[in-house]
């Protein structure tokens, strides 16, 4: 066998996918198309949803047996509860990418996973997703020059999957847009665990501020039938009260169908994050 062929096989990264919703199915199909990675397994709470979609050899029926599949990277795209239950165990055997970083709003979960990632020989990855400018914001946090960060998400009411009391507020939306929440990201994550992963990623990037200082704002807007809009407001050094502080504002308009939780462009962003989640022996990393 030629040395170049051997090298390609050694470098081929085995990826396990936990969750087979729209995003999970997209990632599985993309992995199967490529020759630089291979599918170690796919698990879904309802195994029937996966059967017939991928070869039986890839289907993992019992998530407790994930270690038997020898994945190099495990990617969660199911629910924050997966990280709470399996995150530390995943890191014992593989790198782990938390596709639902709202799980990290639980201080105990974040602390345990950070400690595990710093000692186990595997890395914890957090995808930027729809969070534009993540690396620049992290650099500011590293230097201590990041003074404020707010992420505002505007979506059609049907694109939100919310828990009480936000659900009732969203259900009562009429023809006009309304603010559902404006406050610390930590308190928002359990109320909208499927919708605010972008904000959770922001809190990880802005590590000098964290979940308690980074602010999130949810706006339910019936006029947004074709897009999700994510606004990121950054404040840096200077006198903000006098309008003399460093500021950056970005607005990301992401095509999305009515009722879609995830915008179209986020799928490709997530794939790039998954393929880039490598090269670190330990620690917590944005990707």
Protein backbone atom coordinates (compact mmCIF):
# COMPACT_ATOMS: atom_id res chain seq x y z
CA UNK A 1 0.00 0.00 0.00
CA UNK A 2 1.38 3.41 -0.96
CA UNK A 3 2.48 5.66 1.89
CA UNK A 4 0.08 8.41 0.76
CA UNK A 5 -2.89 6.02 1.01
CA UNK A 6 -1.77 4.86 4.46
CA UNK A 7 -1.51 8.46 5.62
CA UNK A 8 -5.04 9.28 4.41
CA UNK A 9 -6.43 6.30 6.30
CA UNK A 10 -4.59 7.20 9.49
CA UNK A 11 -5.92 10.77 9.33
CA UNK A 12 -9.52 9.82 8.58
CA UNK A 13 -11.54 11.00 11.58
CA UNK A 14 -14.37 8.86 12.91
CA UNK A 15 -17.44 10.91 13.87
CA UNK A 16 -20.40 9.83 15.98
CA UNK A 17 -23.62 11.83 15.59
CA UNK A 18 -26.05 12.02 18.51
CA UNK A 19 -29.42 13.17 17.21
CA UNK A 20 -31.13 12.74 13.85
CA UNK A 21 -33.36 15.78 13.43
CA UNK A 22 -32.95 18.10 10.45
CA UNK A 23 -29.42 19.14 11.45
CA UNK A 24 -28.32 15.65 12.48
CA UNK A 25 -29.57 14.12 9.23
CA UNK A 26 -27.75 16.81 7.25
CA UNK A 27 -24.47 16.14 9.08
CA UNK A 28 -24.77 12.37 8.65
CA UNK A 29 -25.28 12.69 4.90
CA UNK A 30 -22.36 15.12 4.60
CA UNK A 31 -20.06 12.76 6.51
CA UNK A 32 -21.06 9.86 4.27
CA UNK A 33 -20.18 11.92 1.17
CA UNK A 34 -16.64 12.72 2.30
CA UNK A 35 -13.42 10.74 2.13
CA UNK A 36 -11.57 12.60 4.94
CA UNK A 37 -14.00 11.51 7.69
CA UNK A 38 -16.15 8.45 8.33
CA UNK A 39 -19.31 7.78 10.28
CA UNK A 40 -18.72 5.91 13.53
CA UNK A 41 -22.37 5.86 14.56
CA UNK A 42 -25.65 7.72 14.57
CA UNK A 43 -28.03 7.60 17.52
CA UNK A 44 -31.53 8.97 17.83
CA UNK A 45 -34.00 8.68 20.68
CA UNK A 46 -36.47 7.15 18.21
CA UNK A 47 -34.41 4.58 16.32
CA UNK A 48 -37.20 4.12 13.78
CA UNK A 49 -36.44 7.58 12.40
CA UNK A 50 -32.93 6.47 11.44
CA UNK A 51 -33.76 3.00 10.12
CA UNK A 52 -33.79 2.95 6.35
CA UNK A 53 -31.96 6.28 6.18
CA UNK A 54 -28.44 4.93 6.84
CA UNK A 55 -26.92 1.48 6.82
CA UNK A 56 -27.77 -0.66 9.84
CA UNK A 57 -24.07 -0.93 10.72
CA UNK A 58 -24.04 2.79 11.57
CA UNK A 59 -27.09 2.77 13.86
CA UNK A 60 -26.39 2.81 17.58
CA UNK A 61 -29.53 1.68 19.38
CA UNK A 62 -28.18 2.04 22.94
CA UNK A 63 -26.30 5.29 23.59
CA UNK A 64 -24.71 3.73 26.68
CA UNK A 65 -22.60 1.66 24.25
CA UNK A 66 -21.10 4.64 22.39
CA UNK A 67 -17.54 3.76 23.46
CA UNK A 68 -17.68 0.51 21.46
CA UNK A 69 -17.78 2.51 18.20
CA UNK A 70 -14.33 4.11 18.71
CA UNK A 71 -15.30 7.61 17.60
CA UNK A 72 -12.65 10.33 17.48
CA UNK A 73 -15.29 13.05 17.74
CA UNK A 74 -18.81 12.82 19.15
CA UNK A 75 -21.23 15.51 17.99
CA UNK A 76 -24.43 16.23 19.92
CA UNK A 77 -27.32 17.72 17.92
CA UNK A 78 -30.20 16.37 19.99
CA UNK A 79 -30.96 18.17 23.26
CA UNK A 80 -29.06 19.83 26.13
CA UNK A 81 -29.94 16.88 28.38
CA UNK A 82 -27.49 14.70 26.41
CA UNK A 83 -24.58 16.85 27.55
CA UNK A 84 -25.80 16.81 31.14
CA UNK A 85 -26.04 13.00 31.15
CA UNK A 86 -23.21 11.90 28.86
CA UNK A 87 -20.84 14.84 28.38
CA UNK A 88 -18.16 13.73 30.82
CA UNK A 89 -18.34 10.12 29.63
CA UNK A 90 -18.00 11.20 25.99
CA UNK A 91 -14.85 13.15 26.87
CA UNK A 92 -13.32 10.06 28.45
CA UNK A 93 -13.06 8.43 25.01
CA UNK A 94 -13.28 11.18 22.36
CA UNK A 95 -13.37 14.86 21.57
CA UNK A 96 -16.87 16.22 22.12
CA UNK A 97 -18.72 18.95 20.24
CA UNK A 98 -21.68 20.38 22.14
CA UNK A 99 -24.26 21.26 19.50
CA UNK A 100 -26.68 22.44 22.20
CA UNK A 101 -24.43 24.69 24.30
CA UNK A 102 -27.43 25.96 26.26
CA UNK A 103 -26.57 22.97 28.46
CA UNK A 104 -23.56 24.96 29.68
CA UNK A 105 -25.81 27.62 31.19
CA UNK A 106 -26.11 25.17 34.06
CA UNK A 107 -23.09 26.26 36.09
CA UNK A 108 -22.51 22.79 37.52
CA UNK A 109 -22.50 21.22 34.04
CA UNK A 110 -20.14 23.85 32.64
CA UNK A 111 -17.73 23.51 35.56
CA UNK A 112 -17.63 19.70 35.35
CA UNK A 113 -17.06 19.68 31.60
CA UNK A 114 -14.34 22.33 31.75
CA UNK A 115 -12.54 20.39 34.46
CA UNK A 116 -12.88 17.15 32.52
CA UNK A 117 -11.69 18.73 29.25
CA UNK A 118 -8.62 20.13 30.99
CA UNK A 119 -7.53 16.75 32.37
CA UNK A 120 -8.82 13.92 30.15
CA UNK A 121 -6.73 14.30 27.01
CA UNK A 122 -9.73 15.19 24.83
CA UNK A 123 -11.10 18.57 23.82
CA UNK A 124 -14.53 20.12 24.28
CA UNK A 125 -15.73 22.08 21.25
CA UNK A 126 -18.51 24.68 21.05
CA UNK A 127 -19.70 25.53 17.51
CA UNK A 128 -20.20 29.20 16.69
CA UNK A 129 -23.31 28.41 14.63
CA UNK A 130 -25.12 31.67 13.81
CA UNK A 131 -22.84 33.69 16.12
CA UNK A 132 -20.95 36.03 13.80
CA UNK A 133 -17.57 37.32 14.98
CA UNK A 134 -17.03 34.67 17.65
CA UNK A 135 -13.24 34.51 17.32
CA UNK A 136 -12.79 38.29 17.44
CA UNK A 137 -14.97 38.51 20.53
CA UNK A 138 -12.99 35.70 22.16
CA UNK A 139 -9.76 37.60 21.46
CA UNK A 140 -11.19 40.65 23.21
CA UNK A 141 -12.25 38.46 26.15
CA UNK A 142 -8.74 36.97 26.31
CA UNK A 143 -7.29 40.48 26.62
CA UNK A 144 -9.95 41.62 29.07
CA UNK A 145 -11.01 44.42 26.72
CA UNK A 146 -14.53 43.10 26.16
CA UNK A 147 -16.86 45.19 28.33
CA UNK A 148 -20.30 44.26 27.06
CA UNK A 149 -22.05 41.89 24.67
CA UNK A 150 -25.69 41.61 23.66
CA UNK A 151 -27.22 39.19 21.17
CA UNK A 152 -30.69 39.88 19.78
CA UNK A 153 -32.57 37.19 17.85
CA UNK A 154 -35.62 38.05 15.77
CA UNK A 155 -37.78 35.24 14.40
CA UNK A 156 -41.31 34.45 13.31
CA UNK A 157 -43.39 33.27 16.32
CA UNK A 158 -43.66 29.74 14.87
CA UNK A 159 -39.86 29.39 14.85
CA UNK A 160 -39.66 29.53 18.63
CA UNK A 161 -39.85 26.43 20.84
CA UNK A 162 -40.27 27.87 24.30
CA UNK A 163 -41.01 26.87 27.86
CA UNK A 164 -43.22 28.76 30.31
CA UNK A 165 -43.63 31.65 30.81
CA UNK A 166 -42.23 32.67 27.41
CA UNK A 167 -44.41 30.16 25.56
CA UNK A 168 -47.65 31.82 26.68
CA UNK A 169 -46.27 35.24 25.79
CA UNK A 170 -45.28 34.06 22.31
CA UNK A 171 -48.62 32.33 21.76
CA UNK A 172 -50.40 35.63 22.37
CA UNK A 173 -48.45 37.57 19.73
CA UNK A 174 -50.74 39.46 17.34
CA UNK A 175 -49.73 41.33 14.22
CA UNK A 176 -46.94 43.34 15.82
CA UNK A 177 -43.47 42.29 16.93
CA UNK A 178 -42.88 41.97 20.66
CA UNK A 179 -39.90 41.44 22.95
CA UNK A 180 -40.24 38.09 24.72
CA UNK A 181 -37.12 38.41 26.87
CA UNK A 182 -34.28 40.84 27.50
CA UNK A 183 -31.80 39.88 30.20
CA UNK A 184 -28.94 37.55 31.19
CA UNK A 185 -28.34 34.61 28.85
CA UNK A 186 -28.09 32.19 31.78
CA UNK A 187 -31.73 32.72 32.74
CA UNK A 188 -32.90 32.55 29.12
CA UNK A 189 -31.28 29.22 28.17
CA UNK A 190 -33.67 26.93 30.12
CA UNK A 191 -36.64 28.89 28.76
CA UNK A 192 -35.61 28.50 25.11
CA UNK A 193 -33.10 25.63 24.95
CA UNK A 194 -33.69 24.95 21.24
CA UNK A 195 -33.50 28.56 20.09
CA UNK A 196 -30.66 30.32 21.87
CA UNK A 197 -27.60 28.18 21.21
CA UNK A 198 -26.15 31.22 19.43
CA UNK A 199 -26.40 33.16 22.68
CA UNK A 200 -24.83 30.32 24.66
CA UNK A 201 -21.92 30.25 22.20
CA UNK A 202 -21.60 34.00 22.72
CA UNK A 203 -21.33 33.50 26.48
CA UNK A 204 -18.57 30.93 25.96
CA UNK A 205 -16.66 33.23 23.58
CA UNK A 206 -17.08 36.15 25.97
CA UNK A 207 -15.63 34.14 28.83
CA UNK A 208 -14.63 37.21 30.86
CA UNK A 209 -18.33 38.13 31.01
CA UNK A 210 -19.95 34.68 30.95
CA UNK A 211 -23.59 33.64 31.02
CA UNK A 212 -24.56 36.13 33.74
CA UNK A 213 -23.28 39.29 32.05
CA UNK A 214 -23.81 38.55 28.35
CA UNK A 215 -27.34 39.69 27.52
CA UNK A 216 -29.85 38.01 25.26
CA UNK A 217 -32.95 39.48 23.67
CA UNK A 218 -35.67 37.46 21.93
CA UNK A 219 -38.05 39.26 19.57
CA UNK A 220 -41.07 37.48 18.14
CA UNK A 221 -41.90 39.12 14.82
CA UNK A 222 -44.78 37.87 12.60
CA UNK A 223 -43.40 39.80 9.61
CA UNK A 224 -40.27 37.61 9.42
CA UNK A 225 -41.60 34.94 7.08
CA UNK A 226 -38.35 34.42 5.14
CA UNK A 227 -35.48 35.12 7.55
CA UNK A 228 -34.05 34.83 11.04
CA UNK A 229 -32.14 37.94 12.11
CA UNK A 230 -29.30 37.88 14.64
CA UNK A 231 -27.85 41.16 15.88
CA UNK A 232 -24.61 41.24 17.88
CA UNK A 233 -23.69 44.38 19.82
CA UNK A 234 -20.14 44.51 21.20
CA UNK A 235 -18.79 47.11 23.61
CA UNK A 236 -15.06 47.48 24.23
CA UNK A 237 -12.75 49.97 25.93
CA UNK A 238 -13.77 53.59 26.43
CA UNK A 239 -16.49 55.63 28.06
CA UNK A 240 -19.78 54.09 26.90
CA UNK A 241 -21.82 56.60 28.93
CA UNK A 242 -20.34 59.45 26.89
CA UNK A 243 -20.57 57.59 23.60
CA UNK A 244 -16.80 57.28 23.37
CA UNK A 245 -16.41 53.51 23.70
CA UNK A 246 -15.28 51.03 21.06
CA UNK A 247 -18.40 49.41 19.60
CA UNK A 248 -19.22 46.94 16.85
CA UNK A 249 -22.67 45.96 15.63
CA UNK A 250 -23.32 43.13 13.18
CA UNK A 251 -26.63 42.07 11.68
CA UNK A 252 -26.91 38.56 10.21
CA UNK A 253 -29.91 37.84 8.01
CA UNK A 254 -30.32 34.07 7.67
CA UNK A 255 -32.84 32.63 5.17
CA UNK A 256 -35.35 30.39 6.97
CA UNK A 257 -38.79 28.99 6.28
CA UNK A 258 -41.68 29.80 8.58
CA UNK A 259 -41.54 27.44 11.55
CA UNK A 260 -37.89 26.49 11.06
CA UNK A 261 -35.85 26.57 14.27
CA UNK A 262 -32.52 26.63 12.39
CA UNK A 263 -31.77 29.02 9.53
CA UNK A 264 -30.48 27.66 6.22
CA UNK A 265 -26.97 29.13 6.46
CA UNK A 266 -26.46 27.65 9.93
CA UNK A 267 -26.32 24.12 8.50
CA UNK A 268 -23.19 24.85 6.47
CA UNK A 269 -21.68 26.78 9.38
CA UNK A 270 -22.24 23.81 11.66
CA UNK A 271 -20.64 21.43 9.17
CA UNK A 272 -17.57 23.67 9.00
CA UNK A 273 -17.42 23.70 12.80
CA UNK A 274 -17.61 19.90 12.94
CA UNK A 275 -14.84 19.47 10.38
CA UNK A 276 -12.70 22.04 12.18
CA UNK A 277 -13.15 20.45 15.61
CA UNK A 278 -9.73 18.85 15.76
CA UNK A 279 -6.10 19.53 16.58
CA UNK A 280 -6.43 20.19 20.31
CA UNK A 281 -5.43 17.70 23.00
CA UNK A 282 -7.58 19.23 25.71
CA UNK A 283 -9.40 22.37 26.85
CA UNK A 284 -12.50 24.21 25.63
CA UNK A 285 -12.50 25.64 22.11
CA UNK A 286 -14.80 27.53 19.77
CA UNK A 287 -15.05 26.02 16.32
